[in-house]
Every structure is written in structure tokens, then in C-alpha cells.
Amino acid sequence: AIYQQASDILDNTVPLLPIYYYVQPQMVKTYIGGFSPNVRGDYYT
């Protein structure tokens, strides 16, 4: 709830103009095991 209140302040005072969120385009061979996407893009060989 606190984070939402803080986010609301940013939405209403507009010190920044959000445009888009990043994504992680990836090409992974079908024979690679142990690979699973995660939000931060941390991958360990």
C-alpha cells in the first residue's frame, strides 16, 4: 500500500514520462537444458 501511494505521487506529479518496459529477446536452441527465463535476466551457465 505504501509503494502504491508513492507510485501514485509519481503518476500525479509526472517527474518522468514512462514510455515502454524492456524485454529480453532470446534465441535458445531446443537442445539446451537448464535454461529458464527470469525477470532480471540472470543466467548461469
PDB file of all heavy atoms in Angstrom:
ATOM      1  N   ALA A   1       0.838  -1.211   0.000  1.00  0.00           N
ATOM      2  CA  ALA A   1       0.000   0.000   0.000  1.00  0.00           C
ATOM      3  C   ALA A   1       0.873   1.261   0.000  1.00  0.00           C
ATOM      4  O   ALA A   1       0.556   2.255  -0.665  1.00  0.00           O
ATOM      5  CB  ALA A   1      -0.926  -0.006   1.211  1.00  0.00           C
ATOM      6  N   ILE A   2       1.982   1.213   0.731  1.00  0.00           N
ATOM      7  CA  ILE A   2       2.906   2.349   0.766  1.00  0.00           C
ATOM      8  C   ILE A   2       3.531   2.561  -0.613  1.00  0.00           C
ATOM      9  O   ILE A   2       3.619   3.695  -1.104  1.00  0.00           O
ATOM     10  CB  ILE A   2       4.003   2.123   1.830  1.00  0.00           C
ATOM     11  CG1 ILE A   2       3.394   2.181   3.238  1.00  0.00           C
ATOM     12  CG2 ILE A   2       5.124   3.156   1.686  1.00  0.00           C
ATOM     13  CD1 ILE A   2       4.342   1.732   4.336  1.00  0.00           C
ATOM     14  N   TYR A   3       3.956   1.486  -1.226  1.00  0.00           N
ATOM     15  CA  TYR A   3       4.549   1.594  -2.569  1.00  0.00           C
ATOM     16  C   TYR A   3       3.534   2.140  -3.576  1.00  0.00           C
ATOM     17  O   TYR A   3       3.885   2.909  -4.473  1.00  0.00           O
ATOM     18  CB  TYR A   3       5.063   0.230  -3.033  1.00  0.00           C
ATOM     19  CG  TYR A   3       6.313  -0.239  -2.330  1.00  0.00           C
ATOM     20  CD1 TYR A   3       6.600  -1.601  -2.224  1.00  0.00           C
ATOM     21  CD2 TYR A   3       7.219   0.670  -1.788  1.00  0.00           C
ATOM     22  CE1 TYR A   3       7.759  -2.042  -1.591  1.00  0.00           C
ATOM     23  CE2 TYR A   3       8.372   0.234  -1.147  1.00  0.00           C
ATOM     24  CZ  TYR A   3       8.636  -1.125  -1.055  1.00  0.00           C
ATOM     25  OH  TYR A   3       9.787  -1.556  -0.423  1.00  0.00           O
ATOM     26  N   GLN A   4       2.269   1.739  -3.417  1.00  0.00           N
ATOM     27  CA  GLN A   4       1.236   2.241  -4.327  1.00  0.00           C
ATOM     28  C   GLN A   4       1.036   3.740  -4.134  1.00  0.00           C
ATOM     29  O   GLN A   4       0.890   4.491  -5.100  1.00  0.00           O
ATOM     30  CB  GLN A   4      -0.084   1.498  -4.107  1.00  0.00           C
ATOM     31  CG  GLN A   4      -1.191   1.906  -5.072  1.00  0.00           C
ATOM     32  CD  GLN A   4      -0.829   1.606  -6.519  1.00  0.00           C
ATOM     33  OE1 GLN A   4      -0.528   0.471  -6.873  1.00  0.00           O
ATOM     34  NE2 GLN A   4      -0.838   2.630  -7.376  1.00  0.00           N
ATOM     35  N   GLN A   5       1.040   4.196  -2.887  1.00  0.00           N
ATOM     36  CA  GLN A   5       0.905   5.635  -2.603  1.00  0.00           C
ATOM     37  C   GLN A   5       2.061   6.406  -3.240  1.00  0.00           C
ATOM     38  O   GLN A   5       1.863   7.478  -3.820  1.00  0.00           O
ATOM     39  CB  GLN A   5       0.885   5.873  -1.095  1.00  0.00           C
ATOM     40  CG  GLN A   5      -0.409   5.440  -0.423  1.00  0.00           C
ATOM     41  CD  GLN A   5      -0.341   5.635   1.096  1.00  0.00           C
ATOM     42  OE1 GLN A   5       0.730   5.615   1.691  1.00  0.00           O
ATOM     43  NE2 GLN A   5      -1.481   5.842   1.721  1.00  0.00           N
ATOM     44  N   ALA A   6       3.265   5.858  -3.126  1.00  0.00           N
ATOM     45  CA  ALA A   6       4.438   6.509  -3.722  1.00  0.00           C
ATOM     46  C   ALA A   6       4.319   6.536  -5.243  1.00  0.00           C
ATOM     47  O   ALA A   6       4.608   7.561  -5.880  1.00  0.00           O
ATOM     48  CB  ALA A   6       5.712   5.777  -3.301  1.00  0.00           C
ATOM     49  N   SER A   7       3.861   5.434  -5.811  1.00  0.00           N
ATOM     50  CA  SER A   7       3.674   5.371  -7.269  1.00  0.00           C
ATOM     51  C   SER A   7       2.620   6.372  -7.729  1.00  0.00           C
ATOM     52  O   SER A   7       2.773   7.016  -8.781  1.00  0.00           O
ATOM     53  CB  SER A   7       3.276   3.943  -7.673  1.00  0.00           C
ATOM     54  OG  SER A   7       3.152   3.824  -9.069  1.00  0.00           O
ATOM     55  N   ASP A   8       1.566   6.525  -6.923  1.00  0.00           N
ATOM     56  CA  ASP A   8       0.503   7.498  -7.258  1.00  0.00           C
ATOM     57  C   ASP A   8       1.052   8.925  -7.292  1.00  0.00           C
ATOM     58  O   ASP A   8       0.651   9.731  -8.135  1.00  0.00           O
ATOM     59  CB  ASP A   8      -0.638   7.417  -6.232  1.00  0.00           C
ATOM     60  CG  ASP A   8      -1.453   6.132  -6.358  1.00  0.00           C
ATOM     61  OD1 ASP A   8      -1.336   5.455  -7.402  1.00  0.00           O
ATOM     62  OD2 ASP A   8      -2.194   5.813  -5.415  1.00  0.00           O
ATOM     63  N   ILE A   9       1.962   9.231  -6.372  1.00  0.00           N
ATOM     64  CA  ILE A   9       2.569  10.566  -6.357  1.00  0.00           C
ATOM     65  C   ILE A   9       3.320  10.810  -7.664  1.00  0.00           C
ATOM     66  O   ILE A   9       3.212  11.883  -8.273  1.00  0.00           O
ATOM     67  CB  ILE A   9       3.510  10.736  -5.135  1.00  0.00           C
ATOM     68  CG1 ILE A   9       2.683  10.808  -3.848  1.00  0.00           C
ATOM     69  CG2 ILE A   9       4.386  11.992  -5.281  1.00  0.00           C
ATOM     70  CD1 ILE A   9       3.515  10.796  -2.572  1.00  0.00           C
ATOM     71  N   LEU A  10       4.066   9.818  -8.116  1.00  0.00           N
ATOM     72  CA  LEU A  10       4.798   9.951  -9.381  1.00  0.00           C
ATOM     73  C   LEU A  10       3.829  10.113 -10.553  1.00  0.00           C
ATOM     74  O   LEU A  10       4.057  10.927 -11.460  1.00  0.00           O
ATOM     75  CB  LEU A  10       5.694   8.733  -9.620  1.00  0.00           C
ATOM     76  CG  LEU A  10       6.818   8.492  -8.611  1.00  0.00           C
ATOM     77  CD1 LEU A  10       7.652   7.298  -9.043  1.00  0.00           C
ATOM     78  CD2 LEU A  10       7.695   9.726  -8.456  1.00  0.00           C
ATOM     79  N   ASP A  11       2.733   9.342 -10.527  1.00  0.00           N
ATOM     80  CA  ASP A  11       1.748   9.419 -11.611  1.00  0.00           C
ATOM     81  C   ASP A  11       1.127  10.807 -11.690  1.00  0.00           C
ATOM     82  O   ASP A  11       0.846  11.315 -12.785  1.00  0.00           O
ATOM     83  CB  ASP A  11       0.642   8.379 -11.395  1.00  0.00           C
ATOM     84  CG  ASP A  11       1.130   6.949 -11.575  1.00  0.00           C
ATOM     85  OD1 ASP A  11       2.223   6.765 -12.142  1.00  0.00           O
ATOM     86  OD2 ASP A  11       0.426   6.019 -11.142  1.00  0.00           O
ATOM     87  N   ASN A  12       0.916  11.437 -10.536  1.00  0.00           N
ATOM     88  CA  ASN A  12       0.196  12.715 -10.498  1.00  0.00           C
ATOM     89  C   ASN A  12       1.086  13.947 -10.606  1.00  0.00           C
ATOM     90  O   ASN A  12       0.626  15.002 -11.036  1.00  0.00           O
ATOM     91  CB  ASN A  12      -0.657  12.791  -9.223  1.00  0.00           C
ATOM     92  CG  ASN A  12      -1.816  11.812  -9.255  1.00  0.00           C
ATOM     93  OD1 ASN A  12      -2.557  11.747 -10.218  1.00  0.00           O
ATOM     94  ND2 ASN A  12      -1.968  11.016  -8.204  1.00  0.00           N
ATOM     95  N   THR A  13       2.360  13.802 -10.230  1.00  0.00           N
ATOM     96  CA  THR A  13       3.277  14.941 -10.347  1.00  0.00           C
ATOM     97  C   THR A  13       4.098  14.875 -11.629  1.00  0.00           C
ATOM     98  O   THR A  13       4.643  15.879 -12.073  1.00  0.00           O
ATOM     99  CB  THR A  13       4.221  15.025  -9.133  1.00  0.00           C
ATOM    100  OG1 THR A  13       4.908  13.775  -8.999  1.00  0.00           O
ATOM    101  CG2 THR A  13       3.451  15.318  -7.858  1.00  0.00           C
ATOM    102  N   VAL A  14       4.216  13.693 -12.203  1.00  0.00           N
ATOM    103  CA  VAL A  14       4.870  13.439 -13.504  1.00  0.00           C
ATOM    104  C   VAL A  14       6.295  14.011 -13.598  1.00  0.00           C
ATOM    105  O   VAL A  14       6.580  14.829 -14.465  1.00  0.00           O
ATOM    106  CB  VAL A  14       4.003  13.975 -14.676  1.00  0.00           C
ATOM    107  CG1 VAL A  14       4.433  13.293 -15.989  1.00  0.00           C
ATOM    108  CG2 VAL A  14       2.524  13.762 -14.432  1.00  0.00           C
ATOM    109  N   PRO A  15       7.207  13.558 -12.716  1.00  0.00           N
ATOM    110  CA  PRO A  15       8.601  13.960 -12.893  1.00  0.00           C
ATOM    111  C   PRO A  15       9.304  13.165 -13.994  1.00  0.00           C
ATOM    112  O   PRO A  15      10.433  13.480 -14.371  1.00  0.00           O
ATOM    113  CB  PRO A  15       9.220  13.657 -11.529  1.00  0.00           C
ATOM    114  CG  PRO A  15       8.405  12.511 -11.015  1.00  0.00           C
ATOM    115  CD  PRO A  15       7.008  12.734 -11.517  1.00  0.00           C
ATOM    116  N   LEU A  16       8.622  12.136 -14.486  1.00  0.00           N
ATOM    117  CA  LEU A  16       9.161  11.327 -15.574  1.00  0.00           C
ATOM    118  C   LEU A  16       8.015  10.886 -16.471  1.00  0.00           C
ATOM    119  O   LEU A  16       6.849  10.886 -16.058  1.00  0.00           O
ATOM    120  CB  LEU A  16       9.910  10.099 -15.047  1.00  0.00           C
ATOM    121  CG  LEU A  16       9.107   8.914 -14.507  1.00  0.00           C
ATOM    122  CD1 LEU A  16       9.977   7.679 -14.436  1.00  0.00           C
ATOM    123  CD2 LEU A  16       8.525   9.214 -13.135  1.00  0.00           C
ATOM    124  N   LEU A  17       8.342  10.516 -17.705  1.00  0.00           N
ATOM    125  CA  LEU A  17       7.338  10.075 -18.668  1.00  0.00           C
ATOM    126  C   LEU A  17       7.669   8.648 -19.095  1.00  0.00           C
ATOM    127  O   LEU A  17       8.485   8.438 -19.991  1.00  0.00           O
ATOM    128  CB  LEU A  17       7.325  11.004 -19.890  1.00  0.00           C
ATOM    129  CG  LEU A  17       6.380  10.630 -21.027  1.00  0.00           C
ATOM    130  CD1 LEU A  17       4.930  10.656 -20.566  1.00  0.00           C
ATOM    131  CD2 LEU A  17       6.573  11.570 -22.213  1.00  0.00           C
ATOM    132  N   PRO A  18       7.080   7.649 -18.432  1.00  0.00           N
ATOM    133  CA  PRO A  18       7.349   6.260 -18.827  1.00  0.00           C
ATOM    134  C   PRO A  18       6.856   6.005 -20.258  1.00  0.00           C
ATOM    135  O   PRO A  18       5.772   6.456 -20.635  1.00  0.00           O
ATOM    136  CB  PRO A  18       6.543   5.434 -17.814  1.00  0.00           C
ATOM    137  CG  PRO A  18       6.251   6.374 -16.684  1.00  0.00           C
ATOM    138  CD  PRO A  18       6.135   7.720 -17.305  1.00  0.00           C
ATOM    139  N   ILE A  19       7.647   5.308 -21.048  1.00  0.00           N
ATOM    140  CA  ILE A  19       7.252   5.020 -22.435  1.00  0.00           C
ATOM    141  C   ILE A  19       7.046   3.522 -22.656  1.00  0.00           C
ATOM    142  O   ILE A  19       6.007   3.091 -23.113  1.00  0.00           O
ATOM    143  CB  ILE A  19       8.297   5.567 -23.434  1.00  0.00           C
ATOM    144  CG1 ILE A  19       8.432   7.080 -23.280  1.00  0.00           C
ATOM    145  CG2 ILE A  19       7.880   5.232 -24.878  1.00  0.00           C
ATOM    146  CD1 ILE A  19       9.481   7.701 -24.179  1.00  0.00           C
ATOM    147  N   TYR A  20       8.057   2.715 -22.315  1.00  0.00           N
ATOM    148  CA  TYR A  20       7.892   1.276 -22.510  1.00  0.00           C
ATOM    149  C   TYR A  20       8.763   0.513 -21.520  1.00  0.00           C
ATOM    150  O   TYR A  20       9.699   1.059 -20.943  1.00  0.00           O
ATOM    151  CB  TYR A  20       8.244   0.861 -23.946  1.00  0.00           C
ATOM    152  CG  TYR A  20       9.710   1.033 -24.311  1.00  0.00           C
ATOM    153  CD1 TYR A  20      10.626  -0.014 -24.156  1.00  0.00           C
ATOM    154  CD2 TYR A  20      10.184   2.234 -24.824  1.00  0.00           C
ATOM    155  CE1 TYR A  20      11.964   0.146 -24.490  1.00  0.00           C
ATOM    156  CE2 TYR A  20      11.512   2.409 -25.160  1.00  0.00           C
ATOM    157  CZ  TYR A  20      12.402   1.356 -24.981  1.00  0.00           C
ATOM    158  OH  TYR A  20      13.727   1.523 -25.307  1.00  0.00           O
ATOM    159  N   TYR A  21       8.407  -0.766 -21.324  1.00  0.00           N
ATOM    160  CA  TYR A  21       9.190  -1.654 -20.473  1.00  0.00           C
ATOM    161  C   TYR A  21      10.063  -2.538 -21.358  1.00  0.00           C
ATOM    162  O   TYR A  21       9.638  -2.996 -22.423  1.00  0.00           O
ATOM    163  CB  TYR A  21       8.277  -2.537 -19.618  1.00  0.00           C
ATOM    164  CG  TYR A  21       7.419  -1.768 -18.643  1.00  0.00           C
ATOM    165  CD1 TYR A  21       6.031  -1.862 -18.676  1.00  0.00           C
ATOM    166  CD2 TYR A  21       7.998  -0.942 -17.680  1.00  0.00           C
ATOM    167  CE1 TYR A  21       5.245  -1.153 -17.775  1.00  0.00           C
ATOM    168  CE2 TYR A  21       7.211  -0.230 -16.780  1.00  0.00           C
ATOM    169  CZ  TYR A  21       5.844  -0.340 -16.833  1.00  0.00           C
ATOM    170  OH  TYR A  21       5.069   0.359 -15.951  1.00  0.00           O
ATOM    171  N   TYR A  22      11.275  -2.767 -20.891  1.00  0.00           N
ATOM    172  CA  TYR A  22      12.215  -3.636 -21.612  1.00  0.00           C
ATOM    173  C   TYR A  22      11.709  -5.082 -21.671  1.00  0.00           C
ATOM    174  O   TYR A  22      10.936  -5.526 -20.817  1.00  0.00           O
ATOM    175  CB  TYR A  22      13.562  -3.658 -20.898  1.00  0.00           C
ATOM    176  CG  TYR A  22      14.440  -2.455 -21.143  1.00  0.00           C
ATOM    177  CD1 TYR A  22      15.402  -2.100 -20.206  1.00  0.00           C
ATOM    178  CD2 TYR A  22      14.330  -1.691 -22.298  1.00  0.00           C
ATOM    179  CE1 TYR A  22      16.231  -1.001 -20.408  1.00  0.00           C
ATOM    180  CE2 TYR A  22      15.153  -0.597 -22.512  1.00  0.00           C
ATOM    181  CZ  TYR A  22      16.104  -0.256 -21.561  1.00  0.00           C
ATOM    182  OH  TYR A  22      16.917   0.818 -21.767  1.00  0.00           O
ATOM    183  N   VAL A  23      12.196  -5.787 -22.659  1.00  0.00           N
ATOM    184  CA  VAL A  23      12.015  -7.239 -22.729  1.00  0.00           C
ATOM    185  C   VAL A  23      13.382  -7.859 -23.012  1.00  0.00           C
ATOM    186  O   VAL A  23      14.342  -7.141 -23.292  1.00  0.00           O
ATOM    187  CB  VAL A  23      11.021  -7.666 -23.837  1.00  0.00           C
ATOM    188  CG1 VAL A  23       9.606  -7.312 -23.467  1.00  0.00           C
ATOM    189  CG2 VAL A  23      11.409  -7.059 -25.180  1.00  0.00           C
ATOM    190  N   GLN A  24      13.444  -9.175 -22.949  1.00  0.00           N
ATOM    191  CA  GLN A  24      14.697  -9.874 -23.229  1.00  0.00           C
ATOM    192  C   GLN A  24      14.495 -10.825 -24.411  1.00  0.00           C
ATOM    193  O   GLN A  24      14.188 -12.000 -24.227  1.00  0.00           O
ATOM    194  CB  GLN A  24      15.138 -10.683 -22.012  1.00  0.00           C
ATOM    195  CG  GLN A  24      15.312  -9.877 -20.737  1.00  0.00           C
ATOM    196  CD  GLN A  24      15.465 -10.788 -19.538  1.00  0.00           C
ATOM    197  OE1 GLN A  24      16.118 -11.815 -19.594  1.00  0.00           O
ATOM    198  NE2 GLN A  24      14.837 -10.419 -18.441  1.00  0.00           N
ATOM    199  N   PRO A  25      14.637 -10.335 -25.631  1.00  0.00           N
ATOM    200  CA  PRO A  25      14.515 -11.239 -26.793  1.00  0.00           C
ATOM    201  C   PRO A  25      15.660 -12.261 -26.758  1.00  0.00           C
ATOM    202  O   PRO A  25      16.819 -11.881 -26.576  1.00  0.00           O
ATOM    203  CB  PRO A  25      14.658 -10.300 -27.999  1.00  0.00           C
ATOM    204  CG  PRO A  25      14.466  -8.921 -27.452  1.00  0.00           C
ATOM    205  CD  PRO A  25      14.929  -8.968 -26.033  1.00  0.00           C
ATOM    206  N   GLN A  26      15.313 -13.522 -26.879  1.00  0.00           N
ATOM    207  CA  GLN A  26      16.332 -14.578 -26.770  1.00  0.00           C
ATOM    208  C   GLN A  26      16.116 -15.660 -27.821  1.00  0.00           C
ATOM    209  O   GLN A  26      14.969 -16.006 -28.144  1.00  0.00           O
ATOM    210  CB  GLN A  26      16.276 -15.219 -25.374  1.00  0.00           C
ATOM    211  CG  GLN A  26      16.657 -14.261 -24.263  1.00  0.00           C
ATOM    212  CD  GLN A  26      16.045 -14.633 -22.944  1.00  0.00           C
ATOM    213  OE1 GLN A  26      15.033 -15.330 -22.893  1.00  0.00           O
ATOM    214  NE2 GLN A  26      16.626 -14.173 -21.856  1.00  0.00           N
ATOM    215  N   MET A  27      17.204 -16.165 -28.335  1.00  0.00           N
ATOM    216  CA  MET A  27      17.162 -17.321 -29.223  1.00  0.00           C
ATOM    217  C   MET A  27      17.918 -18.443 -28.527  1.00  0.00           C
ATOM    218  O   MET A  27      19.119 -18.327 -28.276  1.00  0.00           O
ATOM    219  CB  MET A  27      17.801 -16.990 -30.576  1.00  0.00           C
ATOM    220  CG  MET A  27      17.025 -15.939 -31.363  1.00  0.00           C
ATOM    221  SD  MET A  27      17.802 -15.523 -32.948  1.00  0.00           S
ATOM    222  CE  MET A  27      17.594 -17.078 -33.823  1.00  0.00           C
ATOM    223  N   VAL A  28      17.197 -19.491 -28.168  1.00  0.00           N
ATOM    224  CA  VAL A  28      17.796 -20.592 -27.418  1.00  0.00           C
ATOM    225  C   VAL A  28      17.548 -21.895 -28.174  1.00  0.00           C
ATOM    226  O   VAL A  28      16.409 -22.210 -28.532  1.00  0.00           O
ATOM    227  CB  VAL A  28      17.183 -20.690 -25.999  1.00  0.00           C
ATOM    228  CG1 VAL A  28      17.863 -21.793 -25.204  1.00  0.00           C
ATOM    229  CG2 VAL A  28      17.299 -19.351 -25.273  1.00  0.00           C
ATOM    230  N   LYS A  29      18.612 -22.621 -28.436  1.00  0.00           N
ATOM    231  CA  LYS A  29      18.490 -23.900 -29.126  1.00  0.00           C
ATOM    232  C   LYS A  29      17.605 -24.856 -28.313  1.00  0.00           C
ATOM    233  O   LYS A  29      17.624 -24.843 -27.083  1.00  0.00           O
ATOM    234  CB  LYS A  29      19.878 -24.528 -29.319  1.00  0.00           C
ATOM    235  CG  LYS A  29      20.785 -23.779 -30.286  1.00  0.00           C
ATOM    236  CD  LYS A  29      20.343 -23.970 -31.725  1.00  0.00           C
ATOM    237  CE  LYS A  29      21.387 -23.415 -32.684  1.00  0.00           C
ATOM    238  NZ  LYS A  29      20.948 -23.538 -34.094  1.00  0.00           N
ATOM    239  N   THR A  30      16.843 -25.668 -29.016  1.00  0.00           N
ATOM    240  CA  THR A  30      15.918 -26.593 -28.341  1.00  0.00           C
ATOM    241  C   THR A  30      16.643 -27.647 -27.512  1.00  0.00           C
ATOM    242  O   THR A  30      16.060 -28.257 -26.625  1.00  0.00           O
ATOM    243  CB  THR A  30      15.020 -27.298 -29.368  1.00  0.00           C
ATOM    244  OG1 THR A  30      15.847 -27.926 -30.343  1.00  0.00           O
ATOM    245  CG2 THR A  30      14.101 -26.306 -30.060  1.00  0.00           C
ATOM    246  N   TYR A  31      17.941 -27.854 -27.792  1.00  0.00           N
ATOM    247  CA  TYR A  31      18.669 -28.885 -27.050  1.00  0.00           C
ATOM    248  C   TYR A  31      19.458 -28.322 -25.857  1.00  0.00           C
ATOM    249  O   TYR A  31      20.327 -28.989 -25.317  1.00  0.00           O
ATOM    250  CB  TYR A  31      19.605 -29.679 -27.980  1.00  0.00           C
ATOM    251  CG  TYR A  31      20.538 -28.841 -28.823  1.00  0.00           C
ATOM    252  CD1 TYR A  31      21.679 -28.247 -28.281  1.00  0.00           C
ATOM    253  CD2 TYR A  31      20.284 -28.660 -30.185  1.00  0.00           C
ATOM    254  CE1 TYR A  31      22.528 -27.496 -29.045  1.00  0.00           C
ATOM    255  CE2 TYR A  31      21.138 -27.897 -30.967  1.00  0.00           C
ATOM    256  CZ  TYR A  31      22.264 -27.322 -30.394  1.00  0.00           C
ATOM    257  OH  TYR A  31      23.118 -26.569 -31.170  1.00  0.00           O
ATOM    258  N   ILE A  32      19.129 -27.088 -25.444  1.00  0.00           N
ATOM    259  CA  ILE A  32      19.755 -26.525 -24.245  1.00  0.00           C
ATOM    260  C   ILE A  32      18.850 -26.802 -23.041  1.00  0.00           C
ATOM    261  O   ILE A  32      17.707 -26.365 -22.999  1.00  0.00           O
ATOM    262  CB  ILE A  32      19.969 -25.001 -24.378  1.00  0.00           C
ATOM    263  CG1 ILE A  32      20.878 -24.681 -25.559  1.00  0.00           C
ATOM    264  CG2 ILE A  32      20.544 -24.418 -23.080  1.00  0.00           C
ATOM    265  CD1 ILE A  32      22.288 -25.241 -25.431  1.00  0.00           C
ATOM    266  N   GLY A  33      19.351 -27.540 -22.081  1.00  0.00           N
ATOM    267  CA  GLY A  33      18.609 -27.820 -20.856  1.00  0.00           C
ATOM    268  C   GLY A  33      19.045 -26.893 -19.739  1.00  0.00           C
ATOM    269  O   GLY A  33      20.117 -26.281 -19.805  1.00  0.00           O
ATOM    270  N   GLY A  34      18.197 -26.753 -18.715  1.00  0.00           N
ATOM    271  CA  GLY A  34      18.553 -25.950 -17.551  1.00  0.00           C
ATOM    272  C   GLY A  34      18.422 -24.455 -17.750  1.00  0.00           C
ATOM    273  O   GLY A  34      18.858 -23.677 -16.906  1.00  0.00           O
ATOM    274  N   PHE A  35      17.810 -24.050 -18.856  1.00  0.00           N
ATOM    275  CA  PHE A  35      17.618 -22.623 -19.120  1.00  0.00           C
ATOM    276  C   PHE A  35      16.172 -22.258 -18.802  1.00  0.00           C
ATOM    277  O   PHE A  35      15.240 -22.851 -19.343  1.00  0.00           O
ATOM    278  CB  PHE A  35      17.915 -22.306 -20.589  1.00  0.00           C
ATOM    279  CG  PHE A  35      17.667 -20.863 -20.962  1.00  0.00           C
ATOM    280  CD1 PHE A  35      18.683 -19.936 -20.877  1.00  0.00           C
ATOM    281  CD2 PHE A  35      16.418 -20.439 -21.381  1.00  0.00           C
ATOM    282  CE1 PHE A  35      18.469 -18.605 -21.211  1.00  0.00           C
ATOM    283  CE2 PHE A  35      16.179 -19.107 -21.712  1.00  0.00           C
ATOM    284  CZ  PHE A  35      17.212 -18.197 -21.622  1.00  0.00           C
ATOM    285  N   SER A  36      15.990 -21.295 -17.923  1.00  0.00           N
ATOM    286  CA  SER A  36      14.627 -20.844 -17.640  1.00  0.00           C
ATOM    287  C   SER A  36      14.642 -19.334 -17.478  1.00  0.00           C
ATOM    288  O   SER A  36      15.486 -18.792 -16.750  1.00  0.00           O
ATOM    289  CB  SER A  36      14.070 -21.514 -16.380  1.00  0.00           C
ATOM    290  OG  SER A  36      14.904 -21.231 -15.281  1.00  0.00           O
ATOM    291  N   PRO A  37      13.735 -18.618 -18.167  1.00  0.00           N
ATOM    292  CA  PRO A  37      13.703 -17.153 -18.096  1.00  0.00           C
ATOM    293  C   PRO A  37      13.420 -16.655 -16.685  1.00  0.00           C
ATOM    294  O   PRO A  37      12.736 -17.316 -15.904  1.00  0.00           O
ATOM    295  CB  PRO A  37      12.543 -16.783 -19.036  1.00  0.00           C
ATOM    296  CG  PRO A  37      12.369 -17.974 -19.917  1.00  0.00           C
ATOM    297  CD  PRO A  37      12.736 -19.158 -19.076  1.00  0.00           C
ATOM    298  N   ASN A  38      13.967 -15.508 -16.336  1.00  0.00           N
ATOM    299  CA  ASN A  38      13.639 -14.854 -15.083  1.00  0.00           C
ATOM    300  C   ASN A  38      13.633 -13.350 -15.320  1.00  0.00           C
ATOM    301  O   ASN A  38      14.220 -12.853 -16.275  1.00  0.00           O
ATOM    302  CB  ASN A  38      14.616 -15.256 -13.968  1.00  0.00           C
ATOM    303  CG  ASN A  38      16.026 -14.782 -14.244  1.00  0.00           C
ATOM    304  OD1 ASN A  38      16.361 -13.623 -14.067  1.00  0.00           O
ATOM    305  ND2 ASN A  38      16.861 -15.701 -14.719  1.00  0.00           N
ATOM    306  N   VAL A  39      12.957 -12.608 -14.442  1.00  0.00           N
ATOM    307  CA  VAL A  39      12.687 -11.195 -14.701  1.00  0.00           C
ATOM    308  C   VAL A  39      13.936 -10.327 -14.771  1.00  0.00           C
ATOM    309  O   VAL A  39      13.947  -9.299 -15.434  1.00  0.00           O
ATOM    310  CB  VAL A  39      11.696 -10.598 -13.669  1.00  0.00           C
ATOM    311  CG1 VAL A  39      10.334 -11.222 -13.825  1.00  0.00           C
ATOM    312  CG2 VAL A  39      12.219 -10.744 -12.248  1.00  0.00           C
ATOM    313  N   ARG A  40      15.008 -10.714 -14.081  1.00  0.00           N
ATOM    314  CA  ARG A  40      16.215  -9.886 -14.090  1.00  0.00           C
ATOM    315  C   ARG A  40      17.180 -10.274 -15.199  1.00  0.00           C
ATOM    316  O   ARG A  40      18.173  -9.590 -15.440  1.00  0.00           O
ATOM    317  CB  ARG A  40      16.935  -9.965 -12.743  1.00  0.00           C
ATOM    318  CG  ARG A  40      16.219  -9.165 -11.642  1.00  0.00           C
ATOM    319  CD  ARG A  40      17.178  -8.792 -10.520  1.00  0.00           C
ATOM    320  NE  ARG A  40      18.240  -7.928 -11.016  1.00  0.00           N
ATOM    321  CZ  ARG A  40      19.536  -8.176 -10.860  1.00  0.00           C
ATOM    322  NH1 ARG A  40      19.946  -9.248 -10.247  1.00  0.00           N
ATOM    323  NH2 ARG A  40      20.442  -7.348 -11.315  1.00  0.00           N
ATOM    324  N   GLY A  41      16.925 -11.391 -15.872  1.00  0.00           N
ATOM    325  CA  GLY A  41      17.836 -11.806 -16.938  1.00  0.00           C
ATOM    326  C   GLY A  41      19.144 -12.366 -16.411  1.00  0.00           C
ATOM    327  O   GLY A  41      20.190 -12.234 -17.053  1.00  0.00           O
ATOM    328  N   ASP A  42      19.103 -13.006 -15.254  1.00  0.00           N
ATOM    329  CA  ASP A  42      20.304 -13.619 -14.687  1.00  0.00           C
ATOM    330  C   ASP A  42      20.369 -15.078 -15.127  1.00  0.00           C
ATOM    331  O   ASP A  42      19.521 -15.889 -14.745  1.00  0.00           O
ATOM    332  CB  ASP A  42      20.274 -13.560 -13.155  1.00  0.00           C
ATOM    333  CG  ASP A  42      20.420 -12.139 -12.636  1.00  0.00           C
ATOM    334  OD1 ASP A  42      21.047 -11.329 -13.337  1.00  0.00           O
ATOM    335  OD2 ASP A  42      19.896 -11.844 -11.544  1.00  0.00           O
ATOM    336  N   TYR A  43      21.382 -15.412 -15.905  1.00  0.00           N
ATOM    337  CA  TYR A  43      21.527 -16.783 -16.399  1.00  0.00           C
ATOM    338  C   TYR A  43      22.925 -17.283 -16.061  1.00  0.00           C
ATOM    339  O   TYR A  43      23.908 -16.580 -16.285  1.00  0.00           O
ATOM    340  CB  TYR A  43      21.301 -16.837 -17.913  1.00  0.00           C
ATOM    341  CG  TYR A  43      19.970 -16.255 -18.319  1.00  0.00           C
ATOM    342  CD1 TYR A  43      19.895 -15.016 -18.953  1.00  0.00           C
ATOM    343  CD2 TYR A  43      18.788 -16.925 -18.033  1.00  0.00           C
ATOM    344  CE1 TYR A  43      18.680 -14.466 -19.297  1.00  0.00           C
ATOM    345  CE2 TYR A  43      17.561 -16.382 -18.376  1.00  0.00           C
ATOM    346  CZ  TYR A  43      17.508 -15.163 -19.002  1.00  0.00           C
ATOM    347  OH  TYR A  43      16.300 -14.612 -19.326  1.00  0.00           O
ATOM    348  N   TYR A  44      22.997 -18.482 -15.510  1.00  0.00           N
ATOM    349  CA  TYR A  44      24.283 -19.051 -15.125  1.00  0.00           C
ATOM    350  C   TYR A  44      24.546 -20.314 -15.936  1.00  0.00           C
ATOM    351  O   TYR A  44      23.737 -21.248 -15.935  1.00  0.00           O
ATOM    352  CB  TYR A  44      24.291 -19.368 -13.627  1.00  0.00           C
ATOM    353  CG  TYR A  44      24.024 -18.149 -12.776  1.00  0.00           C
ATOM    354  CD1 TYR A  44      22.761 -17.907 -12.215  1.00  0.00           C
ATOM    355  CD2 TYR A  44      25.033 -17.207 -12.541  1.00  0.00           C
ATOM    356  CE1 TYR A  44      22.523 -16.772 -11.450  1.00  0.00           C
ATOM    357  CE2 TYR A  44      24.793 -16.071 -11.774  1.00  0.00           C
ATOM    358  CZ  TYR A  44      23.546 -15.856 -11.237  1.00  0.00           C
ATOM    359  OH  TYR A  44      23.296 -14.735 -10.487  1.00  0.00           O
ATOM    360  N   THR A  45      25.669 -20.316 -16.629  1.00  0.00           N
ATOM    361  CA  THR A  45      25.984 -21.467 -17.486  1.00  0.00           C
ATOM    362  C   THR A  45      26.168 -22.742 -16.666  1.00  0.00           C
ATOM    363  O   THR A  45      26.002 -23.843 -17.188  1.00  0.00           O
ATOM    364  CB  THR A  45      27.255 -21.196 -18.305  1.00  0.00           C
ATOM    365  OG1 THR A  45      28.309 -20.773 -17.422  1.00  0.00           O
ATOM    366  CG2 THR A  45      27.008 -20.109 -19.336  1.00  0.00           C
TER     367      THR A  45
END
